[in-house]
Amino acid sequence: MSVREAFNLHHGQLCISAITLMELVYGAEKSSSPERNLAVVEGFAARLELLPYDSAAAAHTGMIRAELARAGTPIGPYDQMIAGHARSLGLVVITNNQREFQRVEGLRVEDWVSQ
């Protein structure tokens, strides 16, 4: 199944973290075609429920950061925030960056690219 097919199959069940949206906007802004890419990001995000980053997400992020530091297997700060946000809500992270997110205990991760 393609990413587009999986996306359409789960229509109405998908959401996006405010942190993920920030990363997408950043990528579009620094690209060679920011206006075009921002329009793509806006169109994509409009199809999803936007989840604000709240105190529960922050608490989970702090726990994850400490857990990974103790294990000597840190991940990037924004990936920590996305993982904390998802774990605080019991949600699945859809990513092709499984190498980082699989380090987070109690986080469910799916890769729709390599399915």
PDB file of N, CA and C in Angstrom:
ATOM      1  N   MET A   1       0.851  -1.175   0.000  1.00  0.00           N
ATOM      2  CA  MET A   1       0.000   0.000   0.000  1.00  0.00           C
ATOM      3  C   MET A   1       0.900   1.243   0.000  1.00  0.00           C
ATOM      4  N   SER A   2       0.542   2.214  -0.810  1.00  0.00           N
ATOM      5  CA  SER A   2       1.320   3.454  -0.870  1.00  0.00           C
ATOM      6  C   SER A   2       0.972   4.362   0.310  1.00  0.00           C
ATOM      7  N   VAL A   3       1.810   5.351   0.533  1.00  0.00           N
ATOM      8  CA  VAL A   3       1.548   6.327   1.598  1.00  0.00           C
ATOM      9  C   VAL A   3       0.217   7.021   1.337  1.00  0.00           C
ATOM     10  N   ARG A   4      -0.024   7.409   0.093  1.00  0.00           N
ATOM     11  CA  ARG A   4      -1.282   8.081  -0.253  1.00  0.00           C
ATOM     12  C   ARG A   4      -2.486   7.177   0.034  1.00  0.00           C
ATOM     13  N   GLU A   5      -2.374   5.894  -0.311  1.00  0.00           N
ATOM     14  CA  GLU A   5      -3.469   4.955  -0.047  1.00  0.00           C
ATOM     15  C   GLU A   5      -3.702   4.805   1.457  1.00  0.00           C
ATOM     16  N   ALA A   6      -2.628   4.687   2.228  1.00  0.00           N
ATOM     17  CA  ALA A   6      -2.759   4.576   3.684  1.00  0.00           C
ATOM     18  C   ALA A   6      -3.368   5.843   4.267  1.00  0.00           C
ATOM     19  N   PHE A   7      -2.923   6.998   3.761  1.00  0.00           N
ATOM     20  CA  PHE A   7      -3.459   8.278   4.215  1.00  0.00           C
ATOM     21  C   PHE A   7      -4.965   8.338   3.948  1.00  0.00           C
ATOM     22  N   ASN A   8      -5.373   7.966   2.749  1.00  0.00           N
ATOM     23  CA  ASN A   8      -6.791   8.002   2.390  1.00  0.00           C
ATOM     24  C   ASN A   8      -7.595   6.968   3.165  1.00  0.00           C
ATOM     25  N   LEU A   9      -7.010   5.802   3.421  1.00  0.00           N
ATOM     26  CA  LEU A   9      -7.680   4.753   4.185  1.00  0.00           C
ATOM     27  C   LEU A   9      -8.016   5.227   5.598  1.00  0.00           C
ATOM     28  N   HIS A  10      -7.139   6.033   6.172  1.00  0.00           N
ATOM     29  CA  HIS A  10      -7.320   6.509   7.549  1.00  0.00           C
ATOM     30  C   HIS A  10      -7.893   7.929   7.616  1.00  0.00           C
ATOM     31  N   HIS A  11      -8.449   8.403   6.510  1.00  0.00           N
ATOM     32  CA  HIS A  11      -9.011   9.761   6.470  1.00  0.00           C
ATOM     33  C   HIS A  11      -9.991   9.957   7.632  1.00  0.00           C
ATOM     34  N   GLY A  12      -9.877  11.076   8.302  1.00  0.00           N
ATOM     35  CA  GLY A  12     -10.738  11.382   9.440  1.00  0.00           C
ATOM     36  C   GLY A  12     -10.190  10.874  10.759  1.00  0.00           C
ATOM     37  N   GLN A  13      -9.142  10.051  10.715  1.00  0.00           N
ATOM     38  CA  GLN A  13      -8.541   9.500  11.928  1.00  0.00           C
ATOM     39  C   GLN A  13      -7.151  10.069  12.180  1.00  0.00           C
ATOM     40  N   LEU A  14      -6.678  10.918  11.285  1.00  0.00           N
ATOM     41  CA  LEU A  14      -5.300  11.407  11.361  1.00  0.00           C
ATOM     42  C   LEU A  14      -5.230  12.805  11.970  1.00  0.00           C
ATOM     43  N   CYS A  15      -4.130  13.068  12.626  1.00  0.00           N
ATOM     44  CA  CYS A  15      -3.901  14.381  13.227  1.00  0.00           C
ATOM     45  C   CYS A  15      -2.426  14.727  13.066  1.00  0.00           C
ATOM     46  N   ILE A  16      -2.096  15.951  13.401  1.00  0.00           N
ATOM     47  CA  ILE A  16      -0.708  16.404  13.302  1.00  0.00           C
ATOM     48  C   ILE A  16      -0.365  17.221  14.544  1.00  0.00           C
ATOM     49  N   SER A  17       0.798  16.964  15.085  1.00  0.00           N
ATOM     50  CA  SER A  17       1.285  17.734  16.224  1.00  0.00           C
ATOM     51  C   SER A  17       1.682  19.128  15.756  1.00  0.00           C
ATOM     52  N   ALA A  18       1.471  20.104  16.600  1.00  0.00           N
ATOM     53  CA  ALA A  18       1.929  21.460  16.294  1.00  0.00           C
ATOM     54  C   ALA A  18       3.440  21.463  16.054  1.00  0.00           C
ATOM     55  N   ILE A  19       4.155  20.550  16.687  1.00  0.00           N
ATOM     56  CA  ILE A  19       5.606  20.456  16.503  1.00  0.00           C
ATOM     57  C   ILE A  19       5.926  19.965  15.091  1.00  0.00           C
ATOM     58  N   THR A  20       5.185  18.984  14.618  1.00  0.00           N
ATOM     59  CA  THR A  20       5.385  18.481  13.258  1.00  0.00           C
ATOM     60  C   THR A  20       5.065  19.565  12.244  1.00  0.00           C
ATOM     61  N   LEU A  21       3.996  20.304  12.481  1.00  0.00           N
ATOM     62  CA  LEU A  21       3.648  21.401  11.575  1.00  0.00           C
ATOM     63  C   LEU A  21       4.773  22.433  11.533  1.00  0.00           C
ATOM     64  N   MET A  22       5.346  22.754  12.678  1.00  0.00           N
ATOM     65  CA  MET A  22       6.473  23.687  12.722  1.00  0.00           C
ATOM     66  C   MET A  22       7.624  23.176  11.866  1.00  0.00           C
ATOM     67  N   GLU A  23       7.930  21.888  11.964  1.00  0.00           N
ATOM     68  CA  GLU A  23       9.029  21.331  11.171  1.00  0.00           C
ATOM     69  C   GLU A  23       8.723  21.388   9.677  1.00  0.00           C
ATOM     70  N   LEU A  24       7.479  21.131   9.297  1.00  0.00           N
ATOM     71  CA  LEU A  24       7.103  21.206   7.882  1.00  0.00           C
ATOM     72  C   LEU A  24       7.202  22.636   7.353  1.00  0.00           C
ATOM     73  N   VAL A  25       6.733  23.598   8.145  1.00  0.00           N
ATOM     74  CA  VAL A  25       6.820  25.006   7.736  1.00  0.00           C
ATOM     75  C   VAL A  25       8.284  25.423   7.614  1.00  0.00           C
ATOM     76  N   TYR A  26       9.104  25.019   8.555  1.00  0.00           N
ATOM     77  CA  TYR A  26      10.534  25.330   8.495  1.00  0.00           C
ATOM     78  C   TYR A  26      11.154  24.777   7.212  1.00  0.00           C
ATOM     79  N   GLY A  27      10.852  23.530   6.906  1.00  0.00           N
ATOM     80  CA  GLY A  27      11.387  22.925   5.690  1.00  0.00           C
ATOM     81  C   GLY A  27      10.944  23.663   4.440  1.00  0.00           C
ATOM     82  N   ALA A  28       9.680  24.069   4.413  1.00  0.00           N
ATOM     83  CA  ALA A  28       9.166  24.821   3.262  1.00  0.00           C
ATOM     84  C   ALA A  28       9.836  26.182   3.163  1.00  0.00           C
ATOM     85  N   GLU A  29       9.985  26.862   4.282  1.00  0.00           N
ATOM     86  CA  GLU A  29      10.584  28.202   4.298  1.00  0.00           C
ATOM     87  C   GLU A  29      12.036  28.196   3.832  1.00  0.00           C
ATOM     88  N   LYS A  30      12.781  27.161   4.176  1.00  0.00           N
ATOM     89  CA  LYS A  30      14.193  27.138   3.809  1.00  0.00           C
ATOM     90  C   LYS A  30      14.429  26.518   2.430  1.00  0.00           C
ATOM     91  N   SER A  31      13.365  26.060   1.784  1.00  0.00           N
ATOM     92  CA  SER A  31      13.493  25.430   0.468  1.00  0.00           C
ATOM     93  C   SER A  31      13.735  26.468  -0.628  1.00  0.00           C
ATOM     94  N   SER A  32      14.023  25.982  -1.815  1.00  0.00           N
ATOM     95  CA  SER A  32      14.248  26.885  -2.952  1.00  0.00           C
ATOM     96  C   SER A  32      12.937  27.448  -3.503  1.00  0.00           C
ATOM     97  N   SER A  33      11.795  26.864  -3.097  1.00  0.00           N
ATOM     98  CA  SER A  33      10.473  27.344  -3.541  1.00  0.00           C
ATOM     99  C   SER A  33       9.541  27.489  -2.344  1.00  0.00           C
ATOM    100  N   PRO A  34       9.826  28.436  -1.442  1.00  0.00           N
ATOM    101  CA  PRO A  34       9.043  28.519  -0.206  1.00  0.00           C
ATOM    102  C   PRO A  34       7.551  28.744  -0.422  1.00  0.00           C
ATOM    103  N   GLU A  35       7.170  29.616  -1.330  1.00  0.00           N
ATOM    104  CA  GLU A  35       5.739  29.885  -1.515  1.00  0.00           C
ATOM    105  C   GLU A  35       4.995  28.631  -1.952  1.00  0.00           C
ATOM    106  N   ARG A  36       5.542  27.940  -2.940  1.00  0.00           N
ATOM    107  CA  ARG A  36       4.899  26.717  -3.440  1.00  0.00           C
ATOM    108  C   ARG A  36       4.846  25.661  -2.341  1.00  0.00           C
ATOM    109  N   ASN A  37       5.950  25.471  -1.643  1.00  0.00           N
ATOM    110  CA  ASN A  37       6.003  24.444  -0.611  1.00  0.00           C
ATOM    111  C   ASN A  37       5.148  24.787   0.605  1.00  0.00           C
ATOM    112  N   LEU A  38       5.046  26.058   0.958  1.00  0.00           N
ATOM    113  CA  LEU A  38       4.144  26.456   2.046  1.00  0.00           C
ATOM    114  C   LEU A  38       2.699  26.156   1.684  1.00  0.00           C
ATOM    115  N   ALA A  39       2.340  26.362   0.427  1.00  0.00           N
ATOM    116  CA  ALA A  39       0.979  26.047  -0.022  1.00  0.00           C
ATOM    117  C   ALA A  39       0.708  24.548   0.107  1.00  0.00           C
ATOM    118  N   VAL A  40       1.695  23.726  -0.216  1.00  0.00           N
ATOM    119  CA  VAL A  40       1.549  22.274  -0.078  1.00  0.00           C
ATOM    120  C   VAL A  40       1.374  21.902   1.394  1.00  0.00           C
ATOM    121  N   VAL A  41       2.197  22.478   2.257  1.00  0.00           N
ATOM    122  CA  VAL A  41       2.098  22.205   3.698  1.00  0.00           C
ATOM    123  C   VAL A  41       0.729  22.631   4.219  1.00  0.00           C
ATOM    124  N   GLU A  42       0.275  23.810   3.837  1.00  0.00           N
ATOM    125  CA  GLU A  42      -1.033  24.297   4.293  1.00  0.00           C
ATOM    126  C   GLU A  42      -2.154  23.380   3.818  1.00  0.00           C
ATOM    127  N   GLY A  43      -2.092  22.931   2.564  1.00  0.00           N
ATOM    128  CA  GLY A  43      -3.105  22.018   2.045  1.00  0.00           C
ATOM    129  C   GLY A  43      -3.102  20.684   2.770  1.00  0.00           C
ATOM    130  N   PHE A  44      -1.919  20.175   3.062  1.00  0.00           N
ATOM    131  CA  PHE A  44      -1.783  18.916   3.795  1.00  0.00           C
ATOM    132  C   PHE A  44      -2.327  19.063   5.210  1.00  0.00           C
ATOM    133  N   ALA A  45      -1.886  20.098   5.911  1.00  0.00           N
ATOM    134  CA  ALA A  45      -2.287  20.297   7.305  1.00  0.00           C
ATOM    135  C   ALA A  45      -3.780  20.571   7.439  1.00  0.00           C
ATOM    136  N   ALA A  46      -4.386  21.177   6.425  1.00  0.00           N
ATOM    137  CA  ALA A  46      -5.819  21.485   6.478  1.00  0.00           C
ATOM    138  C   ALA A  46      -6.668  20.218   6.535  1.00  0.00           C
ATOM    139  N   ARG A  47      -6.116  19.103   6.097  1.00  0.00           N
ATOM    140  CA  ARG A  47      -6.850  17.833   6.095  1.00  0.00           C
ATOM    141  C   ARG A  47      -6.745  17.095   7.427  1.00  0.00           C
ATOM    142  N   LEU A  48      -5.989  17.648   8.363  1.00  0.00           N
ATOM    143  CA  LEU A  48      -5.705  16.968   9.624  1.00  0.00           C
ATOM    144  C   LEU A  48      -6.134  17.811  10.813  1.00  0.00           C
ATOM    145  N   GLU A  49      -6.435  17.132  11.909  1.00  0.00           N
ATOM    146  CA  GLU A  49      -6.687  17.841  13.162  1.00  0.00           C
ATOM    147  C   GLU A  49      -5.341  18.278  13.736  1.00  0.00           C
ATOM    148  N   LEU A  50      -5.220  19.554  14.070  1.00  0.00           N
ATOM    149  CA  LEU A  50      -3.986  20.081  14.654  1.00  0.00           C
ATOM    150  C   LEU A  50      -4.043  19.926  16.171  1.00  0.00           C
ATOM    151  N   LEU A  51      -3.056  19.239  16.730  1.00  0.00           N
ATOM    152  CA  LEU A  51      -3.008  19.016  18.174  1.00  0.00           C
ATOM    153  C   LEU A  51      -2.035  19.988  18.822  1.00  0.00           C
ATOM    154  N   PRO A  52      -2.526  20.835  19.732  1.00  0.00           N
ATOM    155  CA  PRO A  52      -1.627  21.764  20.423  1.00  0.00           C
ATOM    156  C   PRO A  52      -0.714  21.003  21.385  1.00  0.00           C
ATOM    157  N   TYR A  53       0.484  21.513  21.541  1.00  0.00           N
ATOM    158  CA  TYR A  53       1.466  20.924  22.456  1.00  0.00           C
ATOM    159  C   TYR A  53       1.146  21.438  23.854  1.00  0.00           C
ATOM    160  N   ASP A  54       0.774  20.533  24.750  1.00  0.00           N
ATOM    161  CA  ASP A  54       0.306  20.951  26.072  1.00  0.00           C
ATOM    162  C   ASP A  54       1.227  20.460  27.189  1.00  0.00           C
ATOM    163  N   SER A  55       0.785  20.659  28.429  1.00  0.00           N
ATOM    164  CA  SER A  55       1.635  20.313  29.573  1.00  0.00           C
ATOM    165  C   SER A  55       1.859  18.805  29.688  1.00  0.00           C
ATOM    166  N   ALA A  56       0.880  17.989  29.314  1.00  0.00           N
ATOM    167  CA  ALA A  56       1.074  16.533  29.346  1.00  0.00           C
ATOM    168  C   ALA A  56       2.140  16.125  28.333  1.00  0.00           C
ATOM    169  N   ALA A  57       2.098  16.739  27.157  1.00  0.00           N
ATOM    170  CA  ALA A  57       3.117  16.461  26.137  1.00  0.00           C
ATOM    171  C   ALA A  57       4.492  16.878  26.644  1.00  0.00           C
ATOM    172  N   ALA A  58       4.553  18.034  27.297  1.00  0.00           N
ATOM    173  CA  ALA A  58       5.830  18.518  27.838  1.00  0.00           C
ATOM    174  C   ALA A  58       6.371  17.568  28.902  1.00  0.00           C
ATOM    175  N   ALA A  59       5.492  17.065  29.766  1.00  0.00           N
ATOM    176  CA  ALA A  59       5.927  16.137  30.810  1.00  0.00           C
ATOM    177  C   ALA A  59       6.467  14.845  30.201  1.00  0.00           C
ATOM    178  N   HIS A  60       5.761  14.299  29.217  1.00  0.00           N
ATOM    179  CA  HIS A  60       6.239  13.078  28.558  1.00  0.00           C
ATOM    180  C   HIS A  60       7.561  13.328  27.838  1.00  0.00           C
ATOM    181  N   THR A  61       7.694  14.494  27.229  1.00  0.00           N
ATOM    182  CA  THR A  61       8.947  14.824  26.547  1.00  0.00           C
ATOM    183  C   THR A  61      10.103  14.854  27.537  1.00  0.00           C
ATOM    184  N   GLY A  62       9.889  15.455  28.690  1.00  0.00           N
ATOM    185  CA  GLY A  62      10.931  15.484  29.716  1.00  0.00           C
ATOM    186  C   GLY A  62      11.315  14.088  30.175  1.00  0.00           C
ATOM    187  N   MET A  63      10.308  13.216  30.354  1.00  0.00           N
ATOM    188  CA  MET A  63      10.592  11.833  30.750  1.00  0.00           C
ATOM    189  C   MET A  63      11.389  11.114  29.664  1.00  0.00           C
ATOM    190  N   ILE A  64      10.964  11.284  28.411  1.00  0.00           N
ATOM    191  CA  ILE A  64      11.655  10.635  27.291  1.00  0.00           C
ATOM    192  C   ILE A  64      13.095  11.118  27.199  1.00  0.00           C
ATOM    193  N   ARG A  65      13.284  12.413  27.326  1.00  0.00           N
ATOM    194  CA  ARG A  65      14.646  12.965  27.245  1.00  0.00           C
ATOM    195  C   ARG A  65      15.539  12.349  28.313  1.00  0.00           C
ATOM    196  N   ALA A  66      15.013  12.238  29.539  1.00  0.00           N
ATOM    197  CA  ALA A  66      15.787  11.655  30.638  1.00  0.00           C
ATOM    198  C   ALA A  66      16.044  10.167  30.405  1.00  0.00           C
ATOM    199  N   GLU A  67      15.018   9.433  29.954  1.00  0.00           N
ATOM    200  CA  GLU A  67      15.171   7.997  29.688  1.00  0.00           C
ATOM    201  C   GLU A  67      16.255   7.751  28.644  1.00  0.00           C
ATOM    202  N   LEU A  68      16.203   8.509  27.556  1.00  0.00           N
ATOM    203  CA  LEU A  68      17.165   8.316  26.472  1.00  0.00           C
ATOM    204  C   LEU A  68      18.570   8.759  26.880  1.00  0.00           C
ATOM    205  N   ALA A  69      18.665   9.803  27.693  1.00  0.00           N
ATOM    206  CA  ALA A  69      19.976  10.252  28.181  1.00  0.00           C
ATOM    207  C   ALA A  69      20.601   9.180  29.071  1.00  0.00           C
ATOM    208  N   ARG A  70      19.777   8.586  29.952  1.00  0.00           N
ATOM    209  CA  ARG A  70      20.288   7.517  30.828  1.00  0.00           C
ATOM    210  C   ARG A  70      20.775   6.322  30.009  1.00  0.00           C
ATOM    211  N   ALA A  71      20.058   6.029  28.929  1.00  0.00           N
ATOM    212  CA  ALA A  71      20.418   4.883  28.081  1.00  0.00           C
ATOM    213  C   ALA A  71      21.560   5.210  27.122  1.00  0.00           C
ATOM    214  N   GLY A  72      21.909   6.489  27.022  1.00  0.00           N
ATOM    215  CA  GLY A  72      22.964   6.899  26.095  1.00  0.00           C
ATOM    216  C   GLY A  72      22.533   6.829  24.641  1.00  0.00           C
ATOM    217  N   THR A  73      21.211   6.964  24.408  1.00  0.00           N
ATOM    218  CA  THR A  73      20.673   6.866  23.044  1.00  0.00           C
ATOM    219  C   THR A  73      19.764   8.052  22.732  1.00  0.00           C
ATOM    220  N   PRO A  74      20.275   9.272  22.830  1.00  0.00           N
ATOM    221  CA  PRO A  74      19.413  10.444  22.615  1.00  0.00           C
ATOM    222  C   PRO A  74      18.924  10.546  21.171  1.00  0.00           C
ATOM    223  N   ILE A  75      17.832  11.277  21.002  1.00  0.00           N
ATOM    224  CA  ILE A  75      17.321  11.619  19.676  1.00  0.00           C
ATOM    225  C   ILE A  75      17.203  13.142  19.617  1.00  0.00           C
ATOM    226  N   GLY A  76      16.932  13.667  18.446  1.00  0.00           N
ATOM    227  CA  GLY A  76      16.844  15.108  18.278  1.00  0.00           C
ATOM    228  C   GLY A  76      15.752  15.731  19.134  1.00  0.00           C
ATOM    229  N   PRO A  77      15.904  16.999  19.493  1.00  0.00           N
ATOM    230  CA  PRO A  77      14.949  17.650  20.393  1.00  0.00           C
ATOM    231  C   PRO A  77      13.525  17.711  19.837  1.00  0.00           C
ATOM    232  N   TYR A  78      13.360  17.937  18.548  1.00  0.00           N
ATOM    233  CA  TYR A  78      12.004  18.000  17.998  1.00  0.00           C
ATOM    234  C   TYR A  78      11.398  16.610  17.906  1.00  0.00           C
ATOM    235  N   ASP A  79      12.216  15.590  17.627  1.00  0.00           N
ATOM    236  CA  ASP A  79      11.711  14.217  17.652  1.00  0.00           C
ATOM    237  C   ASP A  79      11.305  13.833  19.070  1.00  0.00           C
ATOM    238  N   GLN A  80      12.047  14.307  20.070  1.00  0.00           N
ATOM    239  CA  GLN A  80      11.649  14.067  21.463  1.00  0.00           C
ATOM    240  C   GLN A  80      10.273  14.669  21.728  1.00  0.00           C
ATOM    241  N   MET A  81      10.065  15.886  21.235  1.00  0.00           N
ATOM    242  CA  MET A  81       8.789  16.573  21.467  1.00  0.00           C
ATOM    243  C   MET A  81       7.642  15.866  20.747  1.00  0.00           C
ATOM    244  N   ILE A  82       7.874  15.430  19.523  1.00  0.00           N
ATOM    245  CA  ILE A  82       6.842  14.704  18.776  1.00  0.00           C
ATOM    246  C   ILE A  82       6.526  13.386  19.483  1.00  0.00           C
ATOM    247  N   ALA A  83       7.566  12.675  19.922  1.00  0.00           N
ATOM    248  CA  ALA A  83       7.367  11.414  20.633  1.00  0.00           C
ATOM    249  C   ALA A  83       6.616  11.637  21.944  1.00  0.00           C
ATOM    250  N   GLY A  84       7.002  12.659  22.688  1.00  0.00           N
ATOM    251  CA  GLY A  84       6.322  12.964  23.944  1.00  0.00           C
ATOM    252  C   GLY A  84       4.870  13.327  23.730  1.00  0.00           C
ATOM    253  N   HIS A  85       4.604  14.091  22.688  1.00  0.00           N
ATOM    254  CA  HIS A  85       3.237  14.493  22.367  1.00  0.00           C
ATOM    255  C   HIS A  85       2.397  13.260  22.044  1.00  0.00           C
ATOM    256  N   ALA A  86       2.915  12.408  21.161  1.00  0.00           N
ATOM    257  CA  ALA A  86       2.173  11.206  20.769  1.00  0.00           C
ATOM    258  C   ALA A  86       1.985  10.263  21.952  1.00  0.00           C
ATOM    259  N   ARG A  87       3.044  10.040  22.715  1.00  0.00           N
ATOM    260  CA  ARG A  87       2.942   9.112  23.842  1.00  0.00           C
ATOM    261  C   ARG A  87       1.971   9.623  24.895  1.00  0.00           C
ATOM    262  N   SER A  88       1.929  10.929  25.108  1.00  0.00           N
ATOM    263  CA  SER A  88       1.017  11.488  26.117  1.00  0.00           C
ATOM    264  C   SER A  88      -0.443  11.255  25.747  1.00  0.00           C
ATOM    265  N   LEU A  89      -0.715  11.109  24.463  1.00  0.00           N
ATOM    266  CA  LEU A  89      -2.087  10.913  23.986  1.00  0.00           C
ATOM    267  C   LEU A  89      -2.364   9.474  23.553  1.00  0.00           C
ATOM    268  N   GLY A  90      -1.366   8.608  23.655  1.00  0.00           N
ATOM    269  CA  GLY A  90      -1.527   7.217  23.236  1.00  0.00           C
ATOM    270  C   GLY A  90      -1.676   7.063  21.732  1.00  0.00           C
ATOM    271  N   LEU A  91      -1.053   7.961  20.972  1.00  0.00           N
ATOM    272  CA  LEU A  91      -1.179   7.945  19.517  1.00  0.00           C
ATOM    273  C   LEU A  91       0.012   7.253  18.864  1.00  0.00           C
ATOM    274  N   VAL A  92      -0.152   6.921  17.595  1.00  0.00           N
ATOM    275  CA  VAL A  92       0.890   6.286  16.793  1.00  0.00           C
ATOM    276  C   VAL A  92       1.625   7.368  16.010  1.00  0.00           C
ATOM    277  N   VAL A  93       2.948   7.298  15.968  1.00  0.00           N
ATOM    278  CA  VAL A  93       3.744   8.194  15.130  1.00  0.00           C
ATOM    279  C   VAL A  93       3.952   7.500  13.787  1.00  0.00           C
ATOM    280  N   ILE A  94       3.534   8.171  12.717  1.00  0.00           N
ATOM    281  CA  ILE A  94       3.755   7.673  11.363  1.00  0.00           C
ATOM    282  C   ILE A  94       5.003   8.377  10.843  1.00  0.00           C
ATOM    283  N   THR A  95       6.046   7.602  10.543  1.00  0.00           N
ATOM    284  CA  THR A  95       7.323   8.188  10.128  1.00  0.00           C
ATOM    285  C   THR A  95       8.155   7.166   9.371  1.00  0.00           C
ATOM    286  N   ASN A  96       9.040   7.653   8.524  1.00  0.00           N
ATOM    287  CA  ASN A  96      10.021   6.734   7.949  1.00  0.00           C
ATOM    288  C   ASN A  96      11.350   6.870   8.693  1.00  0.00           C
ATOM    289  N   ASN A  97      11.329   7.561   9.816  1.00  0.00           N
ATOM    290  CA  ASN A  97      12.500   7.736  10.680  1.00  0.00           C
ATOM    291  C   ASN A  97      12.369   6.816  11.894  1.00  0.00           C
ATOM    292  N   GLN A  98      12.155   5.544  11.638  1.00  0.00           N
ATOM    293  CA  GLN A  98      11.958   4.604  12.742  1.00  0.00           C
ATOM    294  C   GLN A  98      13.192   4.472  13.624  1.00  0.00           C
ATOM    295  N   ARG A  99      14.367   4.653  13.042  1.00  0.00           N
ATOM    296  CA  ARG A  99      15.615   4.492  13.798  1.00  0.00           C
ATOM    297  C   ARG A  99      15.606   5.337  15.067  1.00  0.00           C
ATOM    298  N   GLU A 100      15.121   6.562  14.987  1.00  0.00           N
ATOM    299  CA  GLU A 100      15.082   7.442  16.165  1.00  0.00           C
ATOM    300  C   GLU A 100      13.906   7.094  17.070  1.00  0.00           C
ATOM    301  N   PHE A 101      12.717   7.013  16.498  1.00  0.00           N
ATOM    302  CA  PHE A 101      11.514   6.875  17.314  1.00  0.00           C
ATOM    303  C   PHE A 101      11.397   5.516  17.995  1.00  0.00           C
ATOM    304  N   GLN A 102      11.999   4.470  17.431  1.00  0.00           N
ATOM    305  CA  GLN A 102      11.928   3.151  18.067  1.00  0.00           C
ATOM    306  C   GLN A 102      12.686   3.100  19.390  1.00  0.00           C
ATOM    307  N   ARG A 103      13.510   4.065  19.652  1.00  0.00           N
ATOM    308  CA  ARG A 103      14.250   4.114  20.922  1.00  0.00           C
ATOM    309  C   ARG A 103      13.354   4.519  22.092  1.00  0.00           C
ATOM    310  N   VAL A 104      12.179   5.052  21.791  1.00  0.00           N
ATOM    311  CA  VAL A 104      11.301   5.596  22.831  1.00  0.00           C
ATOM    312  C   VAL A 104      10.372   4.504  23.349  1.00  0.00           C
ATOM    313  N   GLU A 105      10.560   4.155  24.612  1.00  0.00           N
ATOM    314  CA  GLU A 105       9.740   3.125  25.237  1.00  0.00           C
ATOM    315  C   GLU A 105       8.283   3.578  25.326  1.00  0.00           C
ATOM    316  N   GLY A 106       7.374   2.671  24.987  1.00  0.00           N
ATOM    317  CA  GLY A 106       5.947   2.962  25.096  1.00  0.00           C
ATOM    318  C   GLY A 106       5.378   3.768  23.950  1.00  0.00           C
ATOM    319  N   LEU A 107       6.169   4.006  22.914  1.00  0.00           N
ATOM    320  CA  LEU A 107       5.701   4.768  21.752  1.00  0.00           C
ATOM    321  C   LEU A 107       5.426   3.808  20.605  1.00  0.00           C
ATOM    322  N   ARG A 108       4.243   3.925  20.033  1.00  0.00           N
ATOM    323  CA  ARG A 108       3.900   3.104  18.866  1.00  0.00           C
ATOM    324  C   ARG A 108       4.311   3.857  17.605  1.00  0.00           C
ATOM    325  N   VAL A 109       4.991   3.155  16.709  1.00  0.00           N
ATOM    326  CA  VAL A 109       5.539   3.767  15.498  1.00  0.00           C
ATOM    327  C   VAL A 109       5.173   2.907  14.297  1.00  0.00           C
ATOM    328  N   GLU A 110       4.758   3.557  13.208  1.00  0.00           N
ATOM    329  CA  GLU A 110       4.502   2.867  11.947  1.00  0.00           C
ATOM    330  C   GLU A 110       5.236   3.601  10.833  1.00  0.00           C
ATOM    331  N   ASP A 111       5.724   2.823   9.874  1.00  0.00           N
ATOM    332  CA  ASP A 111       6.396   3.375   8.697  1.00  0.00           C
ATOM    333  C   ASP A 111       5.562   3.016   7.477  1.00  0.00           C
ATOM    334  N   TRP A 112       4.877   3.995   6.905  1.00  0.00           N
ATOM    335  CA  TRP A 112       4.040   3.747   5.734  1.00  0.00           C
ATOM    336  C   TRP A 112       4.853   3.756   4.446  1.00  0.00           C
ATOM    337  N   VAL A 113       6.088   4.206   4.497  1.00  0.00           N
ATOM    338  CA  VAL A 113       6.923   4.261   3.295  1.00  0.00           C
ATOM    339  C   VAL A 113       7.425   2.868   2.934  1.00  0.00           C
ATOM    340  N   SER A 114       7.890   2.099   3.927  1.00  0.00           N
ATOM    341  CA  SER A 114       8.462   0.793   3.626  1.00  0.00           C
ATOM    342  C   SER A 114       7.479  -0.359   3.750  1.00  0.00           C
ATOM    343  N   GLN A 115       6.202  -0.082   3.859  1.00  0.00           N
ATOM    344  CA  GLN A 115       5.200  -1.155   3.934  1.00  0.00           C
ATOM    345  C   GLN A 115       5.058  -1.832   2.607  1.00  0.00           C
TER     346      GLN A 115
END
